[in-house]
PDB file of N, CA and C in Angstrom:
ATOM      1  N   MET A   1       0.913  -1.060   0.394  1.00  0.00           N
ATOM      2  CA  MET A   1      -0.228   0.146  -0.024  1.00  0.00           C
ATOM      3  C   MET A   1       1.230   1.327   0.144  1.00  0.00           C
ATOM      4  N   SER A   2       0.807   2.353  -0.681  1.00  0.00           N
ATOM      5  CA  SER A   2       1.757   3.488  -0.937  1.00  0.00           C
ATOM      6  C   SER A   2       1.201   4.314  -0.028  1.00  0.00           C
ATOM      7  N   MET A   3       1.913   5.077   0.486  1.00  0.00           N
ATOM      8  CA  MET A   3       2.047   6.182   1.779  1.00  0.00           C
ATOM      9  C   MET A   3       0.743   7.077   1.100  1.00  0.00           C
ATOM     10  N   TYR A   4       0.578   7.726   0.114  1.00  0.00           N
ATOM     11  CA  TYR A   4      -0.540   8.142  -0.578  1.00  0.00           C
ATOM     12  C   TYR A   4      -1.887   7.445   0.322  1.00  0.00           C
ATOM     13  N   VAL A   5      -2.151   6.009  -0.244  1.00  0.00           N
ATOM     14  CA  VAL A   5      -3.478   5.299  -0.165  1.00  0.00           C
ATOM     15  C   VAL A   5      -3.818   5.375   1.409  1.00  0.00           C
ATOM     16  N   GLU A   6      -2.296   4.869   2.174  1.00  0.00           N
ATOM     17  CA  GLU A   6      -2.360   4.733   3.787  1.00  0.00           C
ATOM     18  C   GLU A   6      -3.067   6.425   4.283  1.00  0.00           C
ATOM     19  N   LEU A   7      -2.557   7.205   3.788  1.00  0.00           N
ATOM     20  CA  LEU A   7      -3.065   8.615   4.172  1.00  0.00           C
ATOM     21  C   LEU A   7      -4.483   8.852   3.725  1.00  0.00           C
ATOM     22  N   LEU A   8      -5.083   8.396   2.804  1.00  0.00           N
ATOM     23  CA  LEU A   8      -6.476   8.938   2.441  1.00  0.00           C
ATOM     24  C   LEU A   8      -6.774   8.086   3.163  1.00  0.00           C
ATOM     25  N   THR A   9      -6.882   6.668   3.504  1.00  0.00           N
ATOM     26  CA  THR A   9      -8.051   5.677   4.055  1.00  0.00           C
ATOM     27  C   THR A   9      -7.827   6.438   5.474  1.00  0.00           C
ATOM     28  N   ARG A  10      -6.967   6.730   6.360  1.00  0.00           N
ATOM     29  CA  ARG A  10      -6.959   7.289   7.448  1.00  0.00           C
ATOM     30  C   ARG A  10      -7.886   8.780   7.383  1.00  0.00           C
ATOM     31  N   ALA A  11      -8.026   9.183   6.727  1.00  0.00           N
ATOM     32  CA  ALA A  11      -8.373  10.604   6.318  1.00  0.00           C
ATOM     33  C   ALA A  11     -10.089  10.288   6.351  1.00  0.00           C
ATOM     34  N   LEU A  12     -10.476   9.286   5.392  1.00  0.00           N
ATOM     35  CA  LEU A  12     -11.577   8.757   5.132  1.00  0.00           C
ATOM     36  C   LEU A  12     -12.319   8.066   6.730  1.00  0.00           C
ATOM     37  N   ALA A  13     -11.426   7.319   7.522  1.00  0.00           N
ATOM     38  CA  ALA A  13     -11.957   7.035   8.452  1.00  0.00           C
ATOM     39  C   ALA A  13     -12.008   8.563   9.509  1.00  0.00           C
ATOM     40  N   GLU A  14     -11.762   9.593   9.671  1.00  0.00           N
ATOM     41  CA  GLU A  14     -12.633  10.672  10.044  1.00  0.00           C
ATOM     42  C   GLU A  14     -13.337  11.428   9.661  1.00  0.00           C
ATOM     43  N   TRP A  15     -14.040  10.896   8.664  1.00  0.00           N
ATOM     44  CA  TRP A  15     -15.135  11.818   8.293  1.00  0.00           C
ATOM     45  C   TRP A  15     -16.287  12.366   8.626  1.00  0.00           C
ATOM     46  N   PRO A  16     -16.368  13.237   8.673  1.00  0.00           N
ATOM     47  CA  PRO A  16     -17.248  13.949   9.824  1.00  0.00           C
ATOM     48  C   PRO A  16     -18.747  13.573   8.836  1.00  0.00           C
ATOM     49  N   SER A  17     -19.771  13.239   9.770  1.00  0.00           N
ATOM     50  CA  SER A  17     -20.811  12.925   9.024  1.00  0.00           C
ATOM     51  C   SER A  17     -22.024  13.750   8.811  1.00  0.00           C
ATOM     52  N   GLU A  18     -22.012  14.588   9.402  1.00  0.00           N
ATOM     53  CA  GLU A  18     -22.952  15.667   9.084  1.00  0.00           C
ATOM     54  C   GLU A  18     -22.678  16.121   7.656  1.00  0.00           C
ATOM     55  N   ILE A  19     -21.287  15.883   6.860  1.00  0.00           N
ATOM     56  CA  ILE A  19     -21.749  16.498   5.316  1.00  0.00           C
ATOM     57  C   ILE A  19     -21.835  15.488   4.698  1.00  0.00           C
ATOM     58  N   ARG A  20     -22.984  15.724   3.833  1.00  0.00           N
ATOM     59  CA  ARG A  20     -23.308  15.011   2.772  1.00  0.00           C
ATOM     60  C   ARG A  20     -24.762  15.734   2.210  1.00  0.00           C
ATOM     61  N   ASP A  21     -25.069  15.221   1.010  1.00  0.00           N
ATOM     62  CA  ASP A  21     -26.009  16.011   0.089  1.00  0.00           C
ATOM     63  C   ASP A  21     -25.757  16.975  -0.584  1.00  0.00           C
ATOM     64  N   ASP A  22     -26.517  18.107  -0.759  1.00  0.00           N
ATOM     65  CA  ASP A  22     -25.508  19.302  -1.203  1.00  0.00           C
ATOM     66  C   ASP A  22     -24.548  19.851  -0.643  1.00  0.00           C
ATOM     67  N   GLY A  23     -24.487  19.756   0.790  1.00  0.00           N
ATOM     68  CA  GLY A  23     -23.374  19.979   1.693  1.00  0.00           C
ATOM     69  C   GLY A  23     -22.226  19.358   0.892  1.00  0.00           C
ATOM     70  N   LEU A  24     -22.047  18.199   0.416  1.00  0.00           N
ATOM     71  CA  LEU A  24     -20.937  17.626   0.404  1.00  0.00           C
ATOM     72  C   LEU A  24     -20.775  17.781  -1.233  1.00  0.00           C
ATOM     73  N   VAL A  25     -21.559  18.206  -1.905  1.00  0.00           N
ATOM     74  CA  VAL A  25     -20.907  18.660  -3.620  1.00  0.00           C
ATOM     75  C   VAL A  25     -20.423  19.991  -3.214  1.00  0.00           C
ATOM     76  N   GLU A  26     -20.912  20.598  -2.587  1.00  0.00           N
ATOM     77  CA  GLU A  26     -19.982  22.354  -2.239  1.00  0.00           C
ATOM     78  C   GLU A  26     -18.836  22.032  -1.648  1.00  0.00           C
ATOM     79  N   TYR A  27     -18.601  21.211  -0.544  1.00  0.00           N
ATOM     80  CA  TYR A  27     -17.662  21.026   0.193  1.00  0.00           C
ATOM     81  C   TYR A  27     -16.832  20.106  -0.917  1.00  0.00           C
ATOM     82  N   ALA A  28     -17.010  19.174  -1.832  1.00  0.00           N
ATOM     83  CA  ALA A  28     -15.989  18.684  -3.033  1.00  0.00           C
ATOM     84  C   ALA A  28     -15.532  19.728  -3.592  1.00  0.00           C
ATOM     85  N   ARG A  29     -16.370  20.782  -4.312  1.00  0.00           N
ATOM     86  CA  ARG A  29     -15.995  21.878  -5.328  1.00  0.00           C
ATOM     87  C   ARG A  29     -14.774  22.951  -4.426  1.00  0.00           C
ATOM     88  N   THR A  30     -15.228  23.017  -3.130  1.00  0.00           N
ATOM     89  CA  THR A  30     -14.336  23.690  -1.974  1.00  0.00           C
ATOM     90  C   THR A  30     -12.809  23.302  -1.839  1.00  0.00           C
ATOM     91  N   CYS A  31     -12.778  21.815  -1.611  1.00  0.00           N
ATOM     92  CA  CYS A  31     -11.883  21.283  -1.611  1.00  0.00           C
ATOM     93  C   CYS A  31     -11.031  21.305  -2.515  1.00  0.00           C
ATOM     94  N   ARG A  32     -11.422  20.983  -4.015  1.00  0.00           N
ATOM     95  CA  ARG A  32     -10.987  21.367  -5.261  1.00  0.00           C
ATOM     96  C   ARG A  32      -9.927  21.962  -5.266  1.00  0.00           C
ATOM     97  N   ARG A  33     -11.184  23.746  -5.056  1.00  0.00           N
ATOM     98  CA  ARG A  33     -10.516  24.704  -5.580  1.00  0.00           C
ATOM     99  C   ARG A  33      -9.320  24.999  -4.966  1.00  0.00           C
ATOM    100  N   GLU A  34      -9.461  24.648  -3.746  1.00  0.00           N
ATOM    101  CA  GLU A  34      -8.117  24.761  -2.358  1.00  0.00           C
ATOM    102  C   GLU A  34      -6.742  24.083  -3.276  1.00  0.00           C
ATOM    103  N   MET A  35      -7.184  22.958  -3.717  1.00  0.00           N
ATOM    104  CA  MET A  35      -6.110  21.951  -4.216  1.00  0.00           C
ATOM    105  C   MET A  35      -5.814  22.658  -5.108  1.00  0.00           C
ATOM    106  N   VAL A  36      -6.339  23.470  -5.963  1.00  0.00           N
ATOM    107  CA  VAL A  36      -5.626  23.673  -7.257  1.00  0.00           C
ATOM    108  C   VAL A  36      -5.185  25.097  -6.580  1.00  0.00           C
ATOM    109  N   ARG A  37      -5.720  25.617  -6.097  1.00  0.00           N
ATOM    110  CA  ARG A  37      -4.785  27.335  -5.563  1.00  0.00           C
ATOM    111  C   ARG A  37      -3.433  26.672  -4.959  1.00  0.00           C
ATOM    112  N   THR A  38      -3.303  25.760  -3.775  1.00  0.00           N
ATOM    113  CA  THR A  38      -2.248  25.203  -2.777  1.00  0.00           C
ATOM    114  C   THR A  38      -1.412  24.712  -4.321  1.00  0.00           C
ATOM    115  N   SER A  39      -1.893  23.964  -5.109  1.00  0.00           N
ATOM    116  CA  SER A  39      -0.810  23.401  -6.183  1.00  0.00           C
ATOM    117  C   SER A  39       0.027  24.317  -6.908  1.00  0.00           C
ATOM    118  N   SER A  40      -0.326  25.665  -7.035  1.00  0.00           N
ATOM    119  CA  SER A  40      -0.047  26.441  -8.072  1.00  0.00           C
ATOM    120  C   SER A  40       0.710  27.217  -7.318  1.00  0.00           C
ATOM    121  N   ARG A  41       1.119  27.442  -6.331  1.00  0.00           N
ATOM    122  CA  ARG A  41       1.839  28.380  -5.167  1.00  0.00           C
ATOM    123  C   ARG A  41       2.622  27.478  -4.596  1.00  0.00           C
ATOM    124  N   ARG A  42       3.823  27.844  -4.929  1.00  0.00           N
ATOM    125  CA  ARG A  42       5.038  26.873  -4.429  1.00  0.00           C
ATOM    126  C   ARG A  42       5.425  27.461  -3.060  1.00  0.00           C
ATOM    127  N   GLN A  43       5.187  28.830  -2.404  1.00  0.00           N
ATOM    128  CA  GLN A  43       5.517  28.994  -1.064  1.00  0.00           C
ATOM    129  C   GLN A  43       4.495  28.440  -0.451  1.00  0.00           C
ATOM    130  N   LYS A  44       3.511  27.719  -0.428  1.00  0.00           N
ATOM    131  CA  LYS A  44       2.689  26.897   0.571  1.00  0.00           C
ATOM    132  C   LYS A  44       3.552  25.608   0.810  1.00  0.00           C
ATOM    133  N   GLY A  45       3.979  25.007  -0.086  1.00  0.00           N
ATOM    134  CA  GLY A  45       5.214  24.093   0.384  1.00  0.00           C
ATOM    135  C   GLY A  45       4.318  22.611   0.435  1.00  0.00           C
ATOM    136  N   ALA A  46       5.396  21.551   0.341  1.00  0.00           N
ATOM    137  CA  ALA A  46       4.347  20.284  -0.002  1.00  0.00           C
ATOM    138  C   ALA A  46       3.435  19.691   0.965  1.00  0.00           C
ATOM    139  N   TYR A  47       4.033  20.239   2.055  1.00  0.00           N
ATOM    140  CA  TYR A  47       2.742  19.664   3.284  1.00  0.00           C
ATOM    141  C   TYR A  47       1.435  20.331   2.876  1.00  0.00           C
ATOM    142  N   ALA A  48       1.213  21.550   2.765  1.00  0.00           N
ATOM    143  CA  ALA A  48       0.276  22.013   2.489  1.00  0.00           C
ATOM    144  C   ALA A  48      -0.369  21.990   1.395  1.00  0.00           C
ATOM    145  N   ALA A  49       0.289  21.050  -0.068  1.00  0.00           N
ATOM    146  CA  ALA A  49      -0.339  20.513  -1.202  1.00  0.00           C
ATOM    147  C   ALA A  49      -1.037  19.400  -0.863  1.00  0.00           C
ATOM    148  N   LEU A  50       0.256  18.525  -0.051  1.00  0.00           N
ATOM    149  CA  LEU A  50      -0.456  16.898   0.379  1.00  0.00           C
ATOM    150  C   LEU A  50      -1.482  17.158   1.165  1.00  0.00           C
ATOM    151  N   ALA A  51      -1.558  18.200   1.907  1.00  0.00           N
ATOM    152  CA  ALA A  51      -3.154  18.379   2.802  1.00  0.00           C
ATOM    153  C   ALA A  51      -4.150  18.400   1.628  1.00  0.00           C
ATOM    154  N   ALA A  52      -4.118  19.374   1.026  1.00  0.00           N
ATOM    155  CA  ALA A  52      -5.085  19.574   0.149  1.00  0.00           C
ATOM    156  C   ALA A  52      -5.527  18.797  -0.770  1.00  0.00           C
ATOM    157  N   GLU A  53      -4.528  17.989  -1.214  1.00  0.00           N
ATOM    158  CA  GLU A  53      -5.390  16.735  -1.947  1.00  0.00           C
ATOM    159  C   GLU A  53      -5.404  15.761  -1.380  1.00  0.00           C
ATOM    160  N   ILE A  54      -5.109  15.647  -0.150  1.00  0.00           N
ATOM    161  CA  ILE A  54      -6.201  14.258   0.871  1.00  0.00           C
ATOM    162  C   ILE A  54      -7.189  15.305   1.142  1.00  0.00           C
ATOM    163  N   ALA A  55      -7.655  16.041   1.453  1.00  0.00           N
ATOM    164  CA  ALA A  55      -8.876  16.792   1.801  1.00  0.00           C
ATOM    165  C   ALA A  55      -9.641  16.340   0.693  1.00  0.00           C
ATOM    166  N   TYR A  56      -9.528  16.766  -0.851  1.00  0.00           N
ATOM    167  CA  TYR A  56     -10.143  16.790  -1.919  1.00  0.00           C
ATOM    168  C   TYR A  56     -10.326  15.647  -2.673  1.00  0.00           C
ATOM    169  N   ASP A  57      -9.209  14.610  -2.315  1.00  0.00           N
ATOM    170  CA  ASP A  57      -9.436  13.130  -2.348  1.00  0.00           C
ATOM    171  C   ASP A  57     -10.790  12.534  -1.388  1.00  0.00           C
ATOM    172  N   ARG A  58     -10.677  12.883  -0.274  1.00  0.00           N
ATOM    173  CA  ARG A  58     -11.258  12.150   0.563  1.00  0.00           C
ATOM    174  C   ARG A  58     -12.954  12.951   0.076  1.00  0.00           C
ATOM    175  N   ALA A  59     -13.016  14.012  -0.038  1.00  0.00           N
ATOM    176  CA  ALA A  59     -14.408  14.531  -0.602  1.00  0.00           C
ATOM    177  C   ALA A  59     -14.996  13.608  -1.671  1.00  0.00           C
ATOM    178  N   LEU A  60     -14.162  13.721  -2.962  1.00  0.00           N
ATOM    179  CA  LEU A  60     -14.009  13.177  -3.969  1.00  0.00           C
ATOM    180  C   LEU A  60     -14.579  11.650  -3.671  1.00  0.00           C
ATOM    181  N   VAL A  61     -14.210  11.037  -3.145  1.00  0.00           N
ATOM    182  CA  VAL A  61     -14.469   9.294  -2.666  1.00  0.00           C
ATOM    183  C   VAL A  61     -15.943   9.594  -2.075  1.00  0.00           C
ATOM    184  N   LYS A  62     -15.802  10.224  -1.354  1.00  0.00           N
ATOM    185  CA  LYS A  62     -17.288   9.889  -0.503  1.00  0.00           C
ATOM    186  C   LYS A  62     -18.736  10.525  -1.578  1.00  0.00           C
ATOM    187  N   LEU A  63     -18.007  11.788  -2.215  1.00  0.00           N
ATOM    188  CA  LEU A  63     -19.152  12.139  -3.530  1.00  0.00           C
ATOM    189  C   LEU A  63     -19.360  10.882  -4.720  1.00  0.00           C
ATOM    190  N   CYS A  64     -18.254  10.171  -4.878  1.00  0.00           N
ATOM    191  CA  CYS A  64     -18.522   9.184  -5.926  1.00  0.00           C
ATOM    192  C   CYS A  64     -19.595   7.979  -5.134  1.00  0.00           C
ATOM    193  N   LEU A  65     -19.173   7.668  -3.687  1.00  0.00           N
ATOM    194  CA  LEU A  65     -20.181   6.746  -2.857  1.00  0.00           C
ATOM    195  C   LEU A  65     -21.714   7.194  -2.873  1.00  0.00           C
ATOM    196  N   ALA A  66     -21.995   8.351  -2.401  1.00  0.00           N
ATOM    197  CA  ALA A  66     -23.090   8.837  -2.507  1.00  0.00           C
ATOM    198  C   ALA A  66     -23.781   8.988  -4.060  1.00  0.00           C
ATOM    199  N   HIS A  67     -23.049   8.831  -5.410  1.00  0.00           N
ATOM    200  CA  HIS A  67     -23.675   8.906  -6.238  1.00  0.00           C
ATOM    201  C   HIS A  67     -23.376   7.288  -7.064  1.00  0.00           C
ATOM    202  N   ASP A  68     -23.252   6.367  -6.145  1.00  0.00           N
ATOM    203  CA  ASP A  68     -22.702   5.022  -6.889  1.00  0.00           C
ATOM    204  C   ASP A  68     -21.969   4.784  -7.907  1.00  0.00           C
ATOM    205  N   VAL A  69     -21.139   5.197  -7.948  1.00  0.00           N
ATOM    206  CA  VAL A  69     -19.872   5.699  -8.381  1.00  0.00           C
ATOM    207  C   VAL A  69     -18.595   4.620  -7.878  1.00  0.00           C
ATOM    208  N   PRO A  70     -18.422   3.561  -8.637  1.00  0.00           N
ATOM    209  CA  PRO A  70     -17.599   2.971  -7.942  1.00  0.00           C
ATOM    210  C   PRO A  70     -15.762   3.177  -7.647  1.00  0.00           C
ATOM    211  N   VAL A  71     -16.002   3.141  -6.354  1.00  0.00           N
ATOM    212  CA  VAL A  71     -14.573   4.241  -5.906  1.00  0.00           C
ATOM    213  C   VAL A  71     -13.537   3.285  -5.090  1.00  0.00           C
ATOM    214  N   ALA A  72     -12.684   3.125  -4.908  1.00  0.00           N
ATOM    215  CA  ALA A  72     -11.842   2.550  -3.208  1.00  0.00           C
ATOM    216  C   ALA A  72     -10.647   3.363  -2.747  1.00  0.00           C
ATOM    217  N   PRO A  73     -10.138   3.683  -1.946  1.00  0.00           N
ATOM    218  CA  PRO A  73      -8.705   4.187  -1.250  1.00  0.00           C
ATOM    219  C   PRO A  73      -7.580   3.472  -2.564  1.00  0.00           C
ATOM    220  N   ASP A  74      -7.522   2.219  -2.285  1.00  0.00           N
ATOM    221  CA  ASP A  74      -6.542   1.180  -3.014  1.00  0.00           C
ATOM    222  C   ASP A  74      -6.204   2.005  -4.427  1.00  0.00           C
ATOM    223  N   ASP A  75      -7.416   2.460  -5.175  1.00  0.00           N
ATOM    224  CA  ASP A  75      -7.310   3.086  -6.527  1.00  0.00           C
ATOM    225  C   ASP A  75      -6.567   4.231  -6.838  1.00  0.00           C
ATOM    226  N   PHE A  76      -5.946   4.849  -5.547  1.00  0.00           N
ATOM    227  CA  PHE A  76      -5.218   5.948  -5.597  1.00  0.00           C
ATOM    228  C   PHE A  76      -3.923   5.735  -5.389  1.00  0.00           C
ATOM    229  N   SER A  77      -3.314   4.581  -5.926  1.00  0.00           N
ATOM    230  CA  SER A  77      -1.685   4.691  -6.027  1.00  0.00           C
ATOM    231  C   SER A  77      -1.262   5.853  -6.941  1.00  0.00           C
ATOM    232  N   HIS A  78      -2.082   6.263  -7.600  1.00  0.00           N
ATOM    233  CA  HIS A  78      -1.754   7.143  -8.545  1.00  0.00           C
ATOM    234  C   HIS A  78      -2.693   8.453  -9.201  1.00  0.00           C
ATOM    235  N   PRO A  79      -3.391   8.847  -7.953  1.00  0.00           N
ATOM    236  CA  PRO A  79      -4.138  10.105  -7.177  1.00  0.00           C
ATOM    237  C   PRO A  79      -4.321  10.873  -8.501  1.00  0.00           C
ATOM    238  N   GLU A  80      -3.452  11.531  -9.415  1.00  0.00           N
ATOM    239  CA  GLU A  80      -3.875  12.332 -10.363  1.00  0.00           C
ATOM    240  C   GLU A  80      -5.246  11.597 -11.135  1.00  0.00           C
ATOM    241  N   GLN A  81      -4.534  10.805 -11.550  1.00  0.00           N
ATOM    242  CA  GLN A  81      -5.317   9.750 -12.434  1.00  0.00           C
ATOM    243  C   GLN A  81      -6.784   8.915 -12.001  1.00  0.00           C
ATOM    244  N   GLU A  82      -6.577   8.904 -11.272  1.00  0.00           N
ATOM    245  CA  GLU A  82      -7.611   8.396 -10.470  1.00  0.00           C
ATOM    246  C   GLU A  82      -8.654   9.262 -10.350  1.00  0.00           C
ATOM    247  N   ARG A  83      -8.447  10.715  -9.771  1.00  0.00           N
ATOM    248  CA  ARG A  83      -8.944  12.081  -9.589  1.00  0.00           C
ATOM    249  C   ARG A  83      -9.588  12.247 -11.172  1.00  0.00           C
ATOM    250  N   ARG A  84      -8.977  12.534 -11.917  1.00  0.00           N
ATOM    251  CA  ARG A  84      -9.331  12.641 -13.400  1.00  0.00           C
ATOM    252  C   ARG A  84     -10.848  11.655 -14.152  1.00  0.00           C
ATOM    253  N   THR A  85     -10.276  10.272 -13.466  1.00  0.00           N
ATOM    254  CA  THR A  85     -11.333   9.111 -14.155  1.00  0.00           C
ATOM    255  C   THR A  85     -12.185   9.508 -12.953  1.00  0.00           C
ATOM    256  N   LEU A  86     -12.255   9.406 -11.852  1.00  0.00           N
ATOM    257  CA  LEU A  86     -13.690  10.003 -10.975  1.00  0.00           C
ATOM    258  C   LEU A  86     -14.468  11.389 -11.229  1.00  0.00           C
ATOM    259  N   GLU A  87     -13.603  12.308 -11.925  1.00  0.00           N
ATOM    260  CA  GLU A  87     -14.107  13.756 -12.139  1.00  0.00           C
ATOM    261  C   GLU A  87     -15.055  13.293 -13.362  1.00  0.00           C
ATOM    262  N   ARG A  88     -14.282  12.853 -14.252  1.00  0.00           N
ATOM    263  CA  ARG A  88     -15.164  12.193 -15.208  1.00  0.00           C
ATOM    264  C   ARG A  88     -16.759  11.533 -15.129  1.00  0.00           C
ATOM    265  N   ARG A  89     -16.325  10.349 -14.239  1.00  0.00           N
ATOM    266  CA  ARG A  89     -17.945   9.638 -13.971  1.00  0.00           C
ATOM    267  C   ARG A  89     -18.564  10.313 -13.464  1.00  0.00           C
ATOM    268  N   LEU A  90     -18.548  11.529 -12.705  1.00  0.00           N
ATOM    269  CA  LEU A  90     -19.180  12.389 -11.594  1.00  0.00           C
ATOM    270  C   LEU A  90     -19.973  13.447 -12.910  1.00  0.00           C
ATOM    271  N   ALA A  91     -19.573  13.787 -13.353  1.00  0.00           N
ATOM    272  CA  ALA A  91     -19.610  14.701 -14.879  1.00  0.00           C
ATOM    273  C   ALA A  91     -20.996  13.656 -15.459  1.00  0.00           C
ATOM    274  N   GLU A  92     -20.309  12.887 -15.836  1.00  0.00           N
ATOM    275  CA  GLU A  92     -21.418  11.840 -16.948  1.00  0.00           C
ATOM    276  C   GLU A  92     -22.867  12.020 -15.862  1.00  0.00           C
ATOM    277  N   ARG A  93     -22.439  11.864 -14.473  1.00  0.00           N
ATOM    278  CA  ARG A  93     -24.052  11.812 -13.827  1.00  0.00           C
ATOM    279  C   ARG A  93     -24.345  13.645 -13.540  1.00  0.00           C
ATOM    280  N   GLY A  94     -23.801  14.204 -14.155  1.00  0.00           N
ATOM    281  CA  GLY A  94     -24.256  15.766 -13.943  1.00  0.00           C
ATOM    282  C   GLY A  94     -23.760  16.732 -12.769  1.00  0.00           C
ATOM    283  N   LEU A  95     -22.753  16.253 -12.083  1.00  0.00           N
ATOM    284  CA  LEU A  95     -21.771  16.582 -11.021  1.00  0.00           C
ATOM    285  C   LEU A  95     -20.480  17.319 -11.890  1.00  0.00           C
ATOM    286  N   ASP A  96     -20.238  18.489 -12.086  1.00  0.00           N
ATOM    287  CA  ASP A  96     -19.122  18.735 -12.551  1.00  0.00           C
ATOM    288  C   ASP A  96     -18.360  19.770 -11.531  1.00  0.00           C
ATOM    289  N   LEU A  97     -17.240  18.841 -11.297  1.00  0.00           N
ATOM    290  CA  LEU A  97     -16.331  19.421 -10.384  1.00  0.00           C
ATOM    291  C   LEU A  97     -14.937  20.297 -10.592  1.00  0.00           C
ATOM    292  N   VAL A  98     -14.918  19.575 -12.204  1.00  0.00           N
ATOM    293  CA  VAL A  98     -13.842  20.513 -12.654  1.00  0.00           C
ATOM    294  C   VAL A  98     -13.755  21.807 -13.446  1.00  0.00           C
ATOM    295  N   GLY A  99     -15.328  21.925 -13.779  1.00  0.00           N
ATOM    296  CA  GLY A  99     -15.249  23.364 -14.830  1.00  0.00           C
ATOM    297  C   GLY A  99     -15.595  24.614 -13.644  1.00  0.00           C
ATOM    298  N   THR A 100     -15.966  24.199 -12.164  1.00  0.00           N
ATOM    299  CA  THR A 100     -15.894  24.746 -10.784  1.00  0.00           C
ATOM    300  C   THR A 100     -15.191  25.476 -10.322  1.00  0.00           C
ATOM    301  N   ALA A 101     -13.891  24.727 -10.644  1.00  0.00           N
ATOM    302  CA  ALA A 101     -12.623  25.153 -10.047  1.00  0.00           C
ATOM    303  C   ALA A 101     -12.215  26.475 -10.393  1.00  0.00           C
TER     304      ALA A 101
END
């Protein structure tokens, strides 16, 4: 198991149960915007970028589960690739996360 998959799995175990439905969609969009913003700023550092990625991927997994999109933390051994795949599958269901970043 990769370190990223382990971190994501731990983050999923700490998911706040009150985030769901429309709040989950907005939370995922907010996390994605933060991930994009943080990754484009070198001064934030690697830890901030990693935390933003984990936060977004955790929200993405929960959103996929809520919309019957097959997903598993183990699929994130290549996070960027898995992210694109899941974002595309959600867009096919009418949830565009990429166009809102």
